[in-house]
């Protein structure tokens, strides 16, 4: 019997926390997109097959459709809490944050929607009711994420 050469490709599972920021306008209102561009290592694993969008409809906003300072501060606090809960063991990854026309949407990719929702509920339990809606979709090829990068003339890294 001959020798079998088996080589495993190890994928680096380090989260690069470098963020990009892009601004544009739609209907004379600002569109603000920020996200992580260096996520190819997570896509390559094939483990993150669901995208989850959390959309917060602003209770208070300015004339140009962005949140007031107070609401923005609360949203940032909630975002930081979600990141702490969901990314601690890389169960889910925040990829894109999109703010436009009275809404902010966070796009996560997750290994498990059930686990994501459990952690989301645990995290939000410490806040008064927040005005969010949640959508999930199978997206094993990260088409949503890649499309946003492409629309903003950014390359996946």
Foldseek 3Di string as FASTA:
>chain_A
DDDDDDDDDDQDPDDDPDKDWDWDDDPNAIKIKMFDQACVSVLVVLQFFKKKKKKFQEPAPDPRQFHDPVVVVVVVVLVVLLCVQCPVVDQKDFGMWMGGRRMIMTMMTGNDPVVSVVSSCVSCVVDDDTRIDMDMDGHSNCPVRCVVCVVRVHHRD
